[in-house]
Protein backbone atom coordinates (compact mmCIF):
# COMPACT_ATOMS: atom_id res chain seq x y z
CA UNK A 1 -3.89 -5.26 -14.35
CA UNK A 2 -7.22 -6.08 -12.74
CA UNK A 3 -6.74 -6.88 -9.08
CA UNK A 4 -8.78 -9.42 -7.16
CA UNK A 5 -9.64 -8.69 -3.55
CA UNK A 6 -7.12 -11.33 -2.45
CA UNK A 7 -4.33 -9.77 -4.54
CA UNK A 8 -5.10 -6.32 -3.16
CA UNK A 9 -5.04 -7.58 0.41
CA UNK A 10 -1.80 -9.47 -0.23
CA UNK A 11 -0.24 -6.33 -1.74
CA UNK A 12 -1.30 -4.21 1.24
CA UNK A 13 0.08 -6.77 3.69
CA UNK A 14 3.42 -6.97 1.88
CA UNK A 15 3.67 -3.19 1.85
CA UNK A 16 2.66 -2.98 5.49
CA UNK A 17 5.29 -5.58 6.47
CA UNK A 18 7.98 -3.28 5.05
CA UNK A 19 7.65 -0.36 7.44
CA UNK A 20 10.76 1.27 5.98
CA UNK A 21 8.53 2.20 3.01
CA UNK A 22 5.95 4.13 5.02
CA UNK A 23 7.13 4.76 8.59
CA UNK A 24 9.31 7.86 8.99
CA UNK A 25 10.38 6.64 12.46
CA UNK A 26 11.99 3.56 10.88
CA UNK A 27 15.77 4.07 10.82
CA UNK A 28 15.90 2.85 7.19
CA UNK A 29 13.11 5.13 5.95
CA UNK A 30 15.59 7.65 4.50
CA UNK A 31 17.83 5.00 2.95
CA UNK A 32 16.91 5.15 -0.74
CA UNK A 33 18.70 1.89 -1.57
CA UNK A 34 16.84 -0.09 1.09
CA UNK A 35 13.53 1.51 0.09
CA UNK A 36 14.25 0.59 -3.52
CA UNK A 37 14.97 -2.99 -2.44
CA UNK A 38 11.71 -3.14 -0.49
CA UNK A 39 9.71 -1.92 -3.48
CA UNK A 40 11.52 -4.38 -5.76
CA UNK A 41 10.65 -7.30 -3.45
CA UNK A 42 6.99 -6.42 -3.83
CA UNK A 43 7.35 -5.84 -7.58
CA UNK A 44 8.97 -9.23 -8.11
CA UNK A 45 6.31 -10.98 -6.02
CA UNK A 46 3.57 -9.53 -8.22
CA UNK A 47 5.44 -9.62 -11.54
CA UNK A 48 5.42 -5.83 -11.76
CA UNK A 49 7.87 -3.01 -12.25
CA UNK A 50 8.92 -0.80 -9.33
CA UNK A 51 7.04 2.10 -10.93
CA UNK A 52 3.83 0.04 -10.93
CA UNK A 53 4.23 -0.71 -7.21
CA UNK A 54 4.63 3.01 -6.50
CA UNK A 55 1.59 3.76 -8.66
CA UNK A 56 -0.53 1.07 -6.98
CA UNK A 57 0.52 2.36 -3.55
CA UNK A 58 -0.42 5.93 -4.47
CA UNK A 59 -3.78 4.75 -5.85
CA UNK A 60 -4.53 2.80 -2.66
CA UNK A 61 -3.59 5.80 -0.52
CA UNK A 62 -5.90 8.02 -2.56
CA UNK A 63 -8.72 5.48 -2.34
CA UNK A 64 -8.15 5.18 1.41
CA UNK A 65 -8.40 8.95 1.87
CA UNK A 66 -11.59 9.12 -0.25
CA UNK A 67 -13.22 6.22 1.57
CA UNK A 68 -12.24 7.57 4.98
CA UNK A 69 -13.86 10.89 4.06
CA UNK A 70 -17.00 9.12 2.79
CA UNK A 71 -17.20 6.96 5.90
CA UNK A 72 -16.90 10.00 8.11
CA UNK A 73 -19.72 11.70 6.22
CA UNK A 74 -22.10 8.73 5.90
CA UNK A 75 -21.02 5.90 8.19
CA UNK A 76 -21.13 3.32 5.35
CA UNK A 77 -19.38 -0.04 4.86
CA UNK A 78 -15.61 -0.28 4.43
CA UNK A 79 -14.15 -1.38 1.06
CA UNK A 80 -11.88 -4.44 0.79
CA UNK A 81 -8.57 -3.95 2.57
CA UNK A 82 -9.61 -0.66 4.15
CA UNK A 83 -8.74 -1.65 7.72
CA UNK A 84 -5.34 -2.98 6.61
CA UNK A 85 -4.44 0.41 5.12
CA UNK A 86 -4.64 2.09 8.51
CA UNK A 87 -0.93 2.08 9.25
């Protein structure tokens, strides 16, 4: 699936709104059923499978780490959605 900038930003915002997926201080973070439900909500919204949501999340995290490293080294422009990934 090719993602538009708007879709990517929407995905990041949906993920960010579900802190139980990424925040270990959230009381539901360790609840696998609730985490599954959170991922499924995102998957349904985008017409994806849960696996694809996990894959997209991992890809965005990797891209974020790469871009953060590049920015630190060169001071260049941020890619789309970069500031939203800073959880």
